Amino acid sequence: METIKPDSARNARDEVLEREVRYQKNGGATAGATLTLPLGIISFVAAFLFPLAGILLALLGLGFGVWGLNSRRRGWAVVGLLICCLSLAIATYYEVVEVYISWYGVAPWASNSSLP
């Protein structure tokens, strides 16, 4: 059997304590990771109803999610980031369609009846 030297055990314990302290120092990142998921869900709903609000909420969620990647709730941050990216894409699409309709008065997929 291999014996463990006291110094190596102490180094391993210090490494674990250092990792825990690093996570505890960044308590705000845990709040950011926790906020990302609800912001992603709200921005997903808002993307269909109010695209501009969906874009703003998704961008806010992306910011919190990137900050939350340095926390213990990294999984929540990743899921929230994915939902925020999806809702940002959907909201941007609907907002562009709304702007197009307001400028030209017709939907982009409507046929042009003036062509022969």
PDB file of N, CA and C in Angstrom:
ATOM      1  N   MET A   1       0.821  -1.191   0.000  1.00  0.00           N
ATOM      2  CA  MET A   1       0.000   0.000   0.000  1.00  0.00           C
ATOM      3  C   MET A   1       0.857   1.244   0.000  1.00  0.00           C
ATOM      4  N   GLU A   2       0.319   2.239  -0.609  1.00  0.00           N
ATOM      5  CA  GLU A   2       1.028   3.506  -0.709  1.00  0.00           C
ATOM      6  C   GLU A   2       0.609   4.395   0.452  1.00  0.00           C
ATOM      7  N   THR A   3       1.572   4.968   1.086  1.00  0.00           N
ATOM      8  CA  THR A   3       1.259   5.868   2.192  1.00  0.00           C
ATOM      9  C   THR A   3       1.188   7.292   1.666  1.00  0.00           C
ATOM     10  N   ILE A   4       0.315   8.023   2.254  1.00  0.00           N
ATOM     11  CA  ILE A   4       0.138   9.417   1.848  1.00  0.00           C
ATOM     12  C   ILE A   4       0.968  10.285   2.780  1.00  0.00           C
ATOM     13  N   LYS A   5       1.765  11.100   2.204  1.00  0.00           N
ATOM     14  CA  LYS A   5       2.599  11.992   2.999  1.00  0.00           C
ATOM     15  C   LYS A   5       1.729  13.102   3.572  1.00  0.00           C
ATOM     16  N   PRO A   6       2.032  13.551   4.765  1.00  0.00           N
ATOM     17  CA  PRO A   6       1.225  14.618   5.378  1.00  0.00           C
ATOM     18  C   PRO A   6       1.202  15.898   4.551  1.00  0.00           C
ATOM     19  N   ASP A   7       2.304  16.199   3.884  1.00  0.00           N
ATOM     20  CA  ASP A   7       2.344  17.423   3.076  1.00  0.00           C
ATOM     21  C   ASP A   7       1.389  17.349   1.898  1.00  0.00           C
ATOM     22  N   SER A   8       1.312  16.189   1.235  1.00  0.00           N
ATOM     23  CA  SER A   8       0.421  16.074   0.082  1.00  0.00           C
ATOM     24  C   SER A   8      -1.040  16.116   0.509  1.00  0.00           C
ATOM     25  N   ALA A   9      -1.346  15.546   1.677  1.00  0.00           N
ATOM     26  CA  ALA A   9      -2.722  15.609   2.183  1.00  0.00           C
ATOM     27  C   ALA A   9      -3.079  17.051   2.534  1.00  0.00           C
ATOM     28  N   ARG A  10      -2.137  17.748   3.118  1.00  0.00           N
ATOM     29  CA  ARG A  10      -2.378  19.146   3.477  1.00  0.00           C
ATOM     30  C   ARG A  10      -2.561  19.994   2.213  1.00  0.00           C
ATOM     31  N   ASN A  11      -1.774  19.740   1.185  1.00  0.00           N
ATOM     32  CA  ASN A  11      -1.904  20.478  -0.070  1.00  0.00           C
ATOM     33  C   ASN A  11      -3.248  20.214  -0.732  1.00  0.00           C
ATOM     34  N   ALA A  12      -3.708  18.960  -0.689  1.00  0.00           N
ATOM     35  CA  ALA A  12      -5.003  18.630  -1.272  1.00  0.00           C
ATOM     36  C   ALA A  12      -6.128  19.335  -0.513  1.00  0.00           C
ATOM     37  N   ARG A  13      -6.024  19.334   0.819  1.00  0.00           N
ATOM     38  CA  ARG A  13      -7.044  19.996   1.625  1.00  0.00           C
ATOM     39  C   ARG A  13      -7.039  21.503   1.381  1.00  0.00           C
ATOM     40  N   ASP A  14      -5.858  22.092   1.278  1.00  0.00           N
ATOM     41  CA  ASP A  14      -5.758  23.519   1.004  1.00  0.00           C
ATOM     42  C   ASP A  14      -6.339  23.864  -0.362  1.00  0.00           C
ATOM     43  N   GLU A  15      -6.131  22.977  -1.327  1.00  0.00           N
ATOM     44  CA  GLU A  15      -6.683  23.202  -2.659  1.00  0.00           C
ATOM     45  C   GLU A  15      -8.205  23.194  -2.629  1.00  0.00           C
ATOM     46  N   VAL A  16      -8.795  22.273  -1.881  1.00  0.00           N
ATOM     47  CA  VAL A  16     -10.256  22.207  -1.771  1.00  0.00           C
ATOM     48  C   VAL A  16     -10.777  23.452  -1.060  1.00  0.00           C
ATOM     49  N   LEU A  17     -10.108  23.861   0.000  1.00  0.00           N
ATOM     50  CA  LEU A  17     -10.535  25.060   0.717  1.00  0.00           C
ATOM     51  C   LEU A  17     -10.416  26.298  -0.167  1.00  0.00           C
ATOM     52  N   GLU A  18      -9.349  26.367  -0.950  1.00  0.00           N
ATOM     53  CA  GLU A  18      -9.177  27.509  -1.849  1.00  0.00           C
ATOM     54  C   GLU A  18     -10.279  27.555  -2.892  1.00  0.00           C
ATOM     55  N   ARG A  19     -10.679  26.401  -3.405  1.00  0.00           N
ATOM     56  CA  ARG A  19     -11.757  26.339  -4.396  1.00  0.00           C
ATOM     57  C   ARG A  19     -13.068  26.796  -3.765  1.00  0.00           C
ATOM     58  N   GLU A  20     -13.337  26.349  -2.532  1.00  0.00           N
ATOM     59  CA  GLU A  20     -14.573  26.756  -1.855  1.00  0.00           C
ATOM     60  C   GLU A  20     -14.574  28.251  -1.565  1.00  0.00           C
ATOM     61  N   VAL A  21     -13.439  28.770  -1.161  1.00  0.00           N
ATOM     62  CA  VAL A  21     -13.361  30.201  -0.866  1.00  0.00           C
ATOM     63  C   VAL A  21     -13.573  31.006  -2.137  1.00  0.00           C
ATOM     64  N   ARG A  22     -13.047  30.531  -3.269  1.00  0.00           N
ATOM     65  CA  ARG A  22     -13.227  31.243  -4.519  1.00  0.00           C
ATOM     66  C   ARG A  22     -14.702  31.339  -4.876  1.00  0.00           C
ATOM     67  N   TYR A  23     -15.449  30.272  -4.656  1.00  0.00           N
ATOM     68  CA  TYR A  23     -16.875  30.311  -4.929  1.00  0.00           C
ATOM     69  C   TYR A  23     -17.599  31.208  -3.927  1.00  0.00           C
ATOM     70  N   GLN A  24     -17.207  31.172  -2.678  1.00  0.00           N
ATOM     71  CA  GLN A  24     -17.893  31.974  -1.672  1.00  0.00           C
ATOM     72  C   GLN A  24     -17.635  33.464  -1.869  1.00  0.00           C
ATOM     73  N   LYS A  25     -16.475  33.816  -2.367  1.00  0.00           N
ATOM     74  CA  LYS A  25     -16.183  35.226  -2.583  1.00  0.00           C
ATOM     75  C   LYS A  25     -17.107  35.838  -3.634  1.00  0.00           C
ATOM     76  N   ASN A  26     -17.520  35.036  -4.592  1.00  0.00           N
ATOM     77  CA  ASN A  26     -18.298  35.532  -5.715  1.00  0.00           C
ATOM     78  C   ASN A  26     -19.781  35.214  -5.518  1.00  0.00           C
ATOM     79  N   GLY A  27     -20.341  35.662  -4.409  1.00  0.00           N
ATOM     80  CA  GLY A  27     -21.743  35.391  -4.117  1.00  0.00           C
ATOM     81  C   GLY A  27     -22.692  36.077  -5.071  1.00  0.00           C
ATOM     82  N   GLY A  28     -22.274  37.205  -5.631  1.00  0.00           N
ATOM     83  CA  GLY A  28     -23.105  37.899  -6.606  1.00  0.00           C
ATOM     84  C   GLY A  28     -23.276  37.101  -7.877  1.00  0.00           C
ATOM     85  N   ALA A  29     -22.273  36.298  -8.211  1.00  0.00           N
ATOM     86  CA  ALA A  29     -22.365  35.466  -9.407  1.00  0.00           C
ATOM     87  C   ALA A  29     -23.449  34.410  -9.244  1.00  0.00           C
ATOM     88  N   THR A  30     -23.640  33.930  -8.021  1.00  0.00           N
ATOM     89  CA  THR A  30     -24.720  32.968  -7.780  1.00  0.00           C
ATOM     90  C   THR A  30     -26.070  33.631  -8.017  1.00  0.00           C
ATOM     91  N   ALA A  31     -26.204  34.872  -7.606  1.00  0.00           N
ATOM     92  CA  ALA A  31     -27.446  35.602  -7.866  1.00  0.00           C
ATOM     93  C   ALA A  31     -27.632  35.817  -9.364  1.00  0.00           C
ATOM     94  N   GLY A  32     -26.549  36.084 -10.076  1.00  0.00           N
ATOM     95  CA  GLY A  32     -26.633  36.246 -11.522  1.00  0.00           C
ATOM     96  C   GLY A  32     -27.071  34.969 -12.209  1.00  0.00           C
ATOM     97  N   ALA A  33     -26.530  33.839 -11.754  1.00  0.00           N
ATOM     98  CA  ALA A  33     -26.922  32.549 -12.341  1.00  0.00           C
ATOM     99  C   ALA A  33     -28.382  32.242 -12.046  1.00  0.00           C
ATOM    100  N   THR A  34     -28.831  32.591 -10.844  1.00  0.00           N
ATOM    101  CA  THR A  34     -30.215  32.337 -10.465  1.00  0.00           C
ATOM    102  C   THR A  34     -31.170  33.247 -11.245  1.00  0.00           C
ATOM    103  N   LEU A  35     -30.772  34.474 -11.516  1.00  0.00           N
ATOM    104  CA  LEU A  35     -31.626  35.403 -12.251  1.00  0.00           C
ATOM    105  C   LEU A  35     -31.704  35.095 -13.749  1.00  0.00           C
ATOM    106  N   THR A  36     -30.712  34.406 -14.269  1.00  0.00           N
ATOM    107  CA  THR A  36     -30.667  34.156 -15.705  1.00  0.00           C
ATOM    108  C   THR A  36     -31.838  33.306 -16.178  1.00  0.00           C
ATOM    109  N   LEU A  37     -32.175  32.280 -15.430  1.00  0.00           N
ATOM    110  CA  LEU A  37     -33.250  31.379 -15.856  1.00  0.00           C
ATOM    111  C   LEU A  37     -34.611  32.073 -15.898  1.00  0.00           C
ATOM    112  N   PRO A  38     -35.048  32.775 -14.851  1.00  0.00           N
ATOM    113  CA  PRO A  38     -36.333  33.489 -14.965  1.00  0.00           C
ATOM    114  C   PRO A  38     -36.336  34.575 -16.035  1.00  0.00           C
ATOM    115  N   LEU A  39     -35.215  35.283 -16.177  1.00  0.00           N
ATOM    116  CA  LEU A  39     -35.148  36.297 -17.234  1.00  0.00           C
ATOM    117  C   LEU A  39     -35.250  35.660 -18.609  1.00  0.00           C
ATOM    118  N   GLY A  40     -34.664  34.489 -18.771  1.00  0.00           N
ATOM    119  CA  GLY A  40     -34.766  33.788 -20.045  1.00  0.00           C
ATOM    120  C   GLY A  40     -36.191  33.375 -20.354  1.00  0.00           C
ATOM    121  N   ILE A  41     -36.892  32.874 -19.352  1.00  0.00           N
ATOM    122  CA  ILE A  41     -38.278  32.432 -19.553  1.00  0.00           C
ATOM    123  C   ILE A  41     -39.176  33.638 -19.840  1.00  0.00           C
ATOM    124  N   ILE A  42     -39.007  34.715 -19.079  1.00  0.00           N
ATOM    125  CA  ILE A  42     -39.825  35.914 -19.294  1.00  0.00           C
ATOM    126  C   ILE A  42     -39.525  36.526 -20.662  1.00  0.00           C
ATOM    127  N   SER A  43     -38.254  36.546 -21.047  1.00  0.00           N
ATOM    128  CA  SER A  43     -37.920  37.118 -22.355  1.00  0.00           C
ATOM    129  C   SER A  43     -38.421  36.228 -23.492  1.00  0.00           C
ATOM    130  N   PHE A  44     -38.512  34.923 -23.265  1.00  0.00           N
ATOM    131  CA  PHE A  44     -39.051  34.029 -24.290  1.00  0.00           C
ATOM    132  C   PHE A  44     -40.529  34.326 -24.532  1.00  0.00           C
ATOM    133  N   VAL A  45     -41.276  34.536 -23.462  1.00  0.00           N
ATOM    134  CA  VAL A  45     -42.696  34.879 -23.599  1.00  0.00           C
ATOM    135  C   VAL A  45     -42.836  36.263 -24.221  1.00  0.00           C
ATOM    136  N   ALA A  46     -42.010  37.207 -23.761  1.00  0.00           N
ATOM    137  CA  ALA A  46     -42.093  38.574 -24.283  1.00  0.00           C
ATOM    138  C   ALA A  46     -41.660  38.653 -25.742  1.00  0.00           C
ATOM    139  N   ALA A  47     -40.858  37.716 -26.202  1.00  0.00           N
ATOM    140  CA  ALA A  47     -40.401  37.733 -27.594  1.00  0.00           C
ATOM    141  C   ALA A  47     -41.574  37.626 -28.559  1.00  0.00           C
ATOM    142  N   PHE A  48     -42.607  36.902 -28.173  1.00  0.00           N
ATOM    143  CA  PHE A  48     -43.774  36.749 -29.036  1.00  0.00           C
ATOM    144  C   PHE A  48     -44.770  37.892 -28.861  1.00  0.00           C
ATOM    145  N   LEU A  49     -44.878  38.433 -27.664  1.00  0.00           N
ATOM    146  CA  LEU A  49     -45.867  39.469 -27.381  1.00  0.00           C
ATOM    147  C   LEU A  49     -45.329  40.876 -27.627  1.00  0.00           C
ATOM    148  N   PHE A  50     -44.156  41.167 -27.061  1.00  0.00           N
ATOM    149  CA  PHE A  50     -43.526  42.483 -27.173  1.00  0.00           C
ATOM    150  C   PHE A  50     -42.058  42.273 -27.533  1.00  0.00           C
ATOM    151  N   PRO A  51     -41.744  42.189 -28.814  1.00  0.00           N
ATOM    152  CA  PRO A  51     -40.381  41.815 -29.214  1.00  0.00           C
ATOM    153  C   PRO A  51     -39.282  42.723 -28.666  1.00  0.00           C
ATOM    154  N   LEU A  52     -39.532  44.021 -28.586  1.00  0.00           N
ATOM    155  CA  LEU A  52     -38.495  44.916 -28.083  1.00  0.00           C
ATOM    156  C   LEU A  52     -38.193  44.622 -26.614  1.00  0.00           C
ATOM    157  N   ALA A  53     -39.229  44.377 -25.825  1.00  0.00           N
ATOM    158  CA  ALA A  53     -39.017  44.005 -24.418  1.00  0.00           C
ATOM    159  C   ALA A  53     -38.308  42.658 -24.328  1.00  0.00           C
ATOM    160  N   GLY A  54     -38.633  41.740 -25.230  1.00  0.00           N
ATOM    161  CA  GLY A  54     -37.967  40.443 -25.252  1.00  0.00           C
ATOM    162  C   GLY A  54     -36.482  40.575 -25.535  1.00  0.00           C
ATOM    163  N   ILE A  55     -36.128  41.488 -26.442  1.00  0.00           N
ATOM    164  CA  ILE A  55     -34.711  41.716 -26.761  1.00  0.00           C
ATOM    165  C   ILE A  55     -33.978  42.277 -25.548  1.00  0.00           C
ATOM    166  N   LEU A  56     -34.579  43.259 -24.901  1.00  0.00           N
ATOM    167  CA  LEU A  56     -33.929  43.874 -23.742  1.00  0.00           C
ATOM    168  C   LEU A  56     -33.774  42.890 -22.585  1.00  0.00           C
ATOM    169  N   LEU A  57     -34.811  42.114 -22.312  1.00  0.00           N
ATOM    170  CA  LEU A  57     -34.727  41.130 -21.231  1.00  0.00           C
ATOM    171  C   LEU A  57     -33.730  40.026 -21.553  1.00  0.00           C
ATOM    172  N   ALA A  58     -33.670  39.613 -22.814  1.00  0.00           N
ATOM    173  CA  ALA A  58     -32.710  38.581 -23.200  1.00  0.00           C
ATOM    174  C   ALA A  58     -31.278  39.078 -23.059  1.00  0.00           C
ATOM    175  N   LEU A  59     -31.036  40.329 -23.440  1.00  0.00           N
ATOM    176  CA  LEU A  59     -29.691  40.889 -23.278  1.00  0.00           C
ATOM    177  C   LEU A  59     -29.311  41.012 -21.808  1.00  0.00           C
ATOM    178  N   LEU A  60     -30.271  41.406 -20.981  1.00  0.00           N
ATOM    179  CA  LEU A  60     -30.019  41.467 -19.545  1.00  0.00           C
ATOM    180  C   LEU A  60     -29.729  40.078 -18.992  1.00  0.00           C
ATOM    181  N   GLY A  61     -30.505  39.093 -19.438  1.00  0.00           N
ATOM    182  CA  GLY A  61     -30.272  37.716 -19.011  1.00  0.00           C
ATOM    183  C   GLY A  61     -28.932  37.180 -19.470  1.00  0.00           C
ATOM    184  N   LEU A  62     -28.513  37.563 -20.681  1.00  0.00           N
ATOM    185  CA  LEU A  62     -27.192  37.144 -21.160  1.00  0.00           C
ATOM    186  C   LEU A  62     -26.077  37.709 -20.285  1.00  0.00           C
ATOM    187  N   GLY A  63     -26.226  38.948 -19.901  1.00  0.00           N
ATOM    188  CA  GLY A  63     -25.219  39.554 -19.022  1.00  0.00           C
ATOM    189  C   GLY A  63     -25.137  38.852 -17.683  1.00  0.00           C
ATOM    190  N   PHE A  64     -26.285  38.603 -17.065  1.00  0.00           N
ATOM    191  CA  PHE A  64     -26.300  37.888 -15.793  1.00  0.00           C
ATOM    192  C   PHE A  64     -25.789  36.458 -15.951  1.00  0.00           C
ATOM    193  N   GLY A  65     -26.105  35.835 -17.082  1.00  0.00           N
ATOM    194  CA  GLY A  65     -25.679  34.454 -17.301  1.00  0.00           C
ATOM    195  C   GLY A  65     -24.176  34.322 -17.444  1.00  0.00           C
ATOM    196  N   VAL A  66     -23.565  35.241 -18.161  1.00  0.00           N
ATOM    197  CA  VAL A  66     -22.110  35.212 -18.298  1.00  0.00           C
ATOM    198  C   VAL A  66     -21.461  35.428 -16.940  1.00  0.00           C
ATOM    199  N   TRP A  67     -22.019  36.317 -16.146  1.00  0.00           N
ATOM    200  CA  TRP A  67     -21.513  36.559 -14.800  1.00  0.00           C
ATOM    201  C   TRP A  67     -21.725  35.319 -13.928  1.00  0.00           C
ATOM    202  N   GLY A  68     -22.851  34.653 -14.109  1.00  0.00           N
ATOM    203  CA  GLY A  68     -23.172  33.488 -13.296  1.00  0.00           C
ATOM    204  C   GLY A  68     -22.394  32.240 -13.639  1.00  0.00           C
ATOM    205  N   LEU A  69     -21.646  32.245 -14.732  1.00  0.00           N
ATOM    206  CA  LEU A  69     -20.833  31.078 -15.076  1.00  0.00           C
ATOM    207  C   LEU A  69     -19.721  30.824 -14.065  1.00  0.00           C
ATOM    208  N   ASN A  70     -19.396  31.805 -13.251  1.00  0.00           N
ATOM    209  CA  ASN A  70     -18.346  31.657 -12.247  1.00  0.00           C
ATOM    210  C   ASN A  70     -18.898  31.274 -10.878  1.00  0.00           C
ATOM    211  N   SER A  71     -20.068  30.703 -10.830  1.00  0.00           N
ATOM    212  CA  SER A  71     -20.677  30.374  -9.544  1.00  0.00           C
ATOM    213  C   SER A  71     -20.918  28.880  -9.430  1.00  0.00           C
ATOM    214  N   ARG A  72     -21.423  28.486  -8.291  1.00  0.00           N
ATOM    215  CA  ARG A  72     -21.765  27.077  -8.086  1.00  0.00           C
ATOM    216  C   ARG A  72     -22.970  26.669  -8.919  1.00  0.00           C
ATOM    217  N   ARG A  73     -23.804  27.599  -9.276  1.00  0.00           N
ATOM    218  CA  ARG A  73     -24.999  27.303 -10.077  1.00  0.00           C
ATOM    219  C   ARG A  73     -24.722  27.504 -11.557  1.00  0.00           C
ATOM    220  N   ARG A  74     -23.627  26.970 -11.985  1.00  0.00           N
ATOM    221  CA  ARG A  74     -23.213  27.104 -13.371  1.00  0.00           C
ATOM    222  C   ARG A  74     -24.222  26.464 -14.320  1.00  0.00           C
ATOM    223  N   GLY A  75     -24.822  25.359 -13.924  1.00  0.00           N
ATOM    224  CA  GLY A  75     -25.824  24.692 -14.759  1.00  0.00           C
ATOM    225  C   GLY A  75     -27.034  25.580 -15.011  1.00  0.00           C
ATOM    226  N   TRP A  76     -27.489  26.269 -13.975  1.00  0.00           N
ATOM    227  CA  TRP A  76     -28.612  27.194 -14.135  1.00  0.00           C
ATOM    228  C   TRP A  76     -28.233  28.303 -15.109  1.00  0.00           C
ATOM    229  N   ALA A  77     -27.000  28.782 -14.980  1.00  0.00           N
ATOM    230  CA  ALA A  77     -26.549  29.859 -15.860  1.00  0.00           C
ATOM    231  C   ALA A  77     -26.509  29.387 -17.319  1.00  0.00           C
ATOM    232  N   VAL A  78     -26.045  28.164 -17.546  1.00  0.00           N
ATOM    233  CA  VAL A  78     -25.957  27.656 -18.919  1.00  0.00           C
ATOM    234  C   VAL A  78     -27.345  27.491 -19.525  1.00  0.00           C
ATOM    235  N   VAL A  79     -28.283  26.927 -18.758  1.00  0.00           N
ATOM    236  CA  VAL A  79     -29.656  26.752 -19.250  1.00  0.00           C
ATOM    237  C   VAL A  79     -30.287  28.114 -19.523  1.00  0.00           C
ATOM    238  N   GLY A  80     -30.094  29.056 -18.606  1.00  0.00           N
ATOM    239  CA  GLY A  80     -30.617  30.406 -18.808  1.00  0.00           C
ATOM    240  C   GLY A  80     -30.012  31.088 -20.022  1.00  0.00           C
ATOM    241  N   LEU A  81     -28.713  30.881 -20.234  1.00  0.00           N
ATOM    242  CA  LEU A  81     -28.069  31.457 -21.415  1.00  0.00           C
ATOM    243  C   LEU A  81     -28.643  30.884 -22.702  1.00  0.00           C
ATOM    244  N   LEU A  82     -28.893  29.593 -22.722  1.00  0.00           N
ATOM    245  CA  LEU A  82     -29.476  28.981 -23.918  1.00  0.00           C
ATOM    246  C   LEU A  82     -30.869  29.539 -24.207  1.00  0.00           C
ATOM    247  N   ILE A  83     -31.685  29.666 -23.162  1.00  0.00           N
ATOM    248  CA  ILE A  83     -33.035  30.207 -23.347  1.00  0.00           C
ATOM    249  C   ILE A  83     -32.962  31.669 -23.779  1.00  0.00           C
ATOM    250  N   CYS A  84     -32.037  32.432 -23.192  1.00  0.00           N
ATOM    251  CA  CYS A  84     -31.891  33.845 -23.573  1.00  0.00           C
ATOM    252  C   CYS A  84     -31.447  33.980 -25.025  1.00  0.00           C
ATOM    253  N   CYS A  85     -30.536  33.125 -25.472  1.00  0.00           N
ATOM    254  CA  CYS A  85     -30.102  33.180 -26.875  1.00  0.00           C
ATOM    255  C   CYS A  85     -31.248  32.855 -27.819  1.00  0.00           C
ATOM    256  N   LEU A  86     -32.034  31.849 -27.463  1.00  0.00           N
ATOM    257  CA  LEU A  86     -33.180  31.481 -28.293  1.00  0.00           C
ATOM    258  C   LEU A  86     -34.205  32.616 -28.339  1.00  0.00           C
ATOM    259  N   SER A  87     -34.524  33.179 -27.194  1.00  0.00           N
ATOM    260  CA  SER A  87     -35.514  34.249 -27.167  1.00  0.00           C
ATOM    261  C   SER A  87     -34.977  35.514 -27.838  1.00  0.00           C
ATOM    262  N   LEU A  88     -33.678  35.752 -27.766  1.00  0.00           N
ATOM    263  CA  LEU A  88     -33.094  36.897 -28.459  1.00  0.00           C
ATOM    264  C   LEU A  88     -33.245  36.743 -29.973  1.00  0.00           C
ATOM    265  N   ALA A  89     -33.026  35.542 -30.473  1.00  0.00           N
ATOM    266  CA  ALA A  89     -33.181  35.300 -31.911  1.00  0.00           C
ATOM    267  C   ALA A  89     -34.638  35.475 -32.346  1.00  0.00           C
ATOM    268  N   ILE A  90     -35.558  34.921 -31.581  1.00  0.00           N
ATOM    269  CA  ILE A  90     -36.981  35.016 -31.926  1.00  0.00           C
ATOM    270  C   ILE A  90     -37.456  36.457 -31.849  1.00  0.00           C
ATOM    271  N   ALA A  91     -37.094  37.154 -30.776  1.00  0.00           N
ATOM    272  CA  ALA A  91     -37.525  38.542 -30.605  1.00  0.00           C
ATOM    273  C   ALA A  91     -36.939  39.445 -31.690  1.00  0.00           C
ATOM    274  N   THR A  92     -35.695  39.205 -32.066  1.00  0.00           N
ATOM    275  CA  THR A  92     -35.084  40.005 -33.121  1.00  0.00           C
ATOM    276  C   THR A  92     -35.805  39.781 -34.440  1.00  0.00           C
ATOM    277  N   TYR A  93     -36.144  38.544 -34.742  1.00  0.00           N
ATOM    278  CA  TYR A  93     -36.880  38.246 -35.971  1.00  0.00           C
ATOM    279  C   TYR A  93     -38.218  38.987 -36.001  1.00  0.00           C
ATOM    280  N   TYR A  94     -38.999  38.865 -34.918  1.00  0.00           N
ATOM    281  CA  TYR A  94     -40.302  39.518 -34.883  1.00  0.00           C
ATOM    282  C   TYR A  94     -40.179  41.042 -34.905  1.00  0.00           C
ATOM    283  N   GLU A  95     -39.156  41.588 -34.280  1.00  0.00           N
ATOM    284  CA  GLU A  95     -38.976  43.035 -34.295  1.00  0.00           C
ATOM    285  C   GLU A  95     -38.612  43.524 -35.691  1.00  0.00           C
ATOM    286  N   VAL A  96     -37.772  42.793 -36.394  1.00  0.00           N
ATOM    287  CA  VAL A  96     -37.415  43.167 -37.760  1.00  0.00           C
ATOM    288  C   VAL A  96     -38.640  43.115 -38.667  1.00  0.00           C
ATOM    289  N   VAL A  97     -39.482  42.099 -38.487  1.00  0.00           N
ATOM    290  CA  VAL A  97     -40.713  42.009 -39.281  1.00  0.00           C
ATOM    291  C   VAL A  97     -41.636  43.182 -38.973  1.00  0.00           C
ATOM    292  N   GLU A  98     -41.754  43.547 -37.692  1.00  0.00           N
ATOM    293  CA  GLU A  98     -42.589  44.702 -37.332  1.00  0.00           C
ATOM    294  C   GLU A  98     -42.069  45.995 -37.951  1.00  0.00           C
ATOM    295  N   VAL A  99     -40.764  46.195 -37.936  1.00  0.00           N
ATOM    296  CA  VAL A  99     -40.181  47.404 -38.525  1.00  0.00           C
ATOM    297  C   VAL A  99     -40.410  47.411 -40.033  1.00  0.00           C
ATOM    298  N   TYR A 100     -40.256  46.274 -40.677  1.00  0.00           N
ATOM    299  CA  TYR A 100     -40.483  46.177 -42.114  1.00  0.00           C
ATOM    300  C   TYR A 100     -41.928  46.521 -42.461  1.00  0.00           C
ATOM    301  N   ILE A 101     -42.862  45.986 -41.693  1.00  0.00           N
ATOM    302  CA  ILE A 101     -44.278  46.263 -41.946  1.00  0.00           C
ATOM    303  C   ILE A 101     -44.582  47.740 -41.719  1.00  0.00           C
ATOM    304  N   SER A 102     -43.983  48.343 -40.679  1.00  0.00           N
ATOM    305  CA  SER A 102     -44.260  49.757 -40.420  1.00  0.00           C
ATOM    306  C   SER A 102     -43.656  50.654 -41.505  1.00  0.00           C
ATOM    307  N   TRP A 103     -42.539  50.282 -42.102  1.00  0.00           N
ATOM    308  CA  TRP A 103     -41.929  51.097 -43.152  1.00  0.00           C
ATOM    309  C   TRP A 103     -42.629  50.935 -44.494  1.00  0.00           C
ATOM    310  N   TYR A 104     -42.899  49.686 -44.867  1.00  0.00           N
ATOM    311  CA  TYR A 104     -43.423  49.434 -46.208  1.00  0.00           C
ATOM    312  C   TYR A 104     -44.928  49.171 -46.241  1.00  0.00           C
ATOM    313  N   GLY A 105     -45.545  48.966 -45.119  1.00  0.00           N
ATOM    314  CA  GLY A 105     -46.983  48.776 -45.064  1.00  0.00           C
ATOM    315  C   GLY A 105     -47.463  47.406 -45.520  1.00  0.00           C
ATOM    316  N   VAL A 106     -46.543  46.497 -45.758  1.00  0.00           N
ATOM    317  CA  VAL A 106     -46.906  45.157 -46.201  1.00  0.00           C
ATOM    318  C   VAL A 106     -45.930  44.164 -45.562  1.00  0.00           C
ATOM    319  N   ALA A 107     -46.430  42.971 -45.321  1.00  0.00           N
ATOM    320  CA  ALA A 107     -45.580  41.941 -44.737  1.00  0.00           C
ATOM    321  C   ALA A 107     -44.522  41.497 -45.746  1.00  0.00           C
ATOM    322  N   PRO A 108     -43.338  41.104 -45.286  1.00  0.00           N
ATOM    323  CA  PRO A 108     -42.276  40.727 -46.218  1.00  0.00           C
ATOM    324  C   PRO A 108     -42.612  39.504 -47.070  1.00  0.00           C
ATOM    325  N   TRP A 109     -43.483  38.668 -46.624  1.00  0.00           N
ATOM    326  CA  TRP A 109     -43.834  37.451 -47.369  1.00  0.00           C
ATOM    327  C   TRP A 109     -45.085  37.626 -48.221  1.00  0.00           C
ATOM    328  N   ALA A 110     -45.694  38.819 -48.177  1.00  0.00           N
ATOM    329  CA  ALA A 110     -46.890  39.071 -48.985  1.00  0.00           C
ATOM    330  C   ALA A 110     -46.494  39.168 -50.448  1.00  0.00           C
ATOM    331  N   SER A 111     -47.366  38.656 -51.296  1.00  0.00           N
ATOM    332  CA  SER A 111     -47.067  38.698 -52.723  1.00  0.00           C
ATOM    333  C   SER A 111     -47.331  40.097 -53.282  1.00  0.00           C
ATOM    334  N   ASN A 112     -46.561  40.478 -54.231  1.00  0.00           N
ATOM    335  CA  ASN A 112     -46.712  41.777 -54.863  1.00  0.00           C
ATOM    336  C   ASN A 112     -47.631  41.600 -56.068  1.00  0.00           C
ATOM    337  N   SER A 113     -48.863  42.092 -55.963  1.00  0.00           N
ATOM    338  CA  SER A 113     -49.846  41.881 -57.015  1.00  0.00           C
ATOM    339  C   SER A 113     -49.641  42.798 -58.223  1.00  0.00           C
ATOM    340  N   SER A 114     -48.739  43.782 -58.119  1.00  0.00           N
ATOM    341  CA  SER A 114     -48.516  44.680 -59.241  1.00  0.00           C
ATOM    342  C   SER A 114     -47.596  44.080 -60.306  1.00  0.00           C
ATOM    343  N   LEU A 115     -46.912  42.980 -59.964  1.00  0.00           N
ATOM    344  CA  LEU A 115     -46.048  42.335 -60.952  1.00  0.00           C
ATOM    345  C   LEU A 115     -46.884  41.522 -61.943  1.00  0.00           C
ATOM    346  N   PRO A 116     -46.444  41.471 -63.201  1.00  0.00           N
ATOM    347  CA  PRO A 116     -47.236  40.710 -64.202  1.00  0.00           C
ATOM    348  C   PRO A 116     -47.168  39.226 -63.996  1.00  0.00           C
TER     349      PRO A 116
END
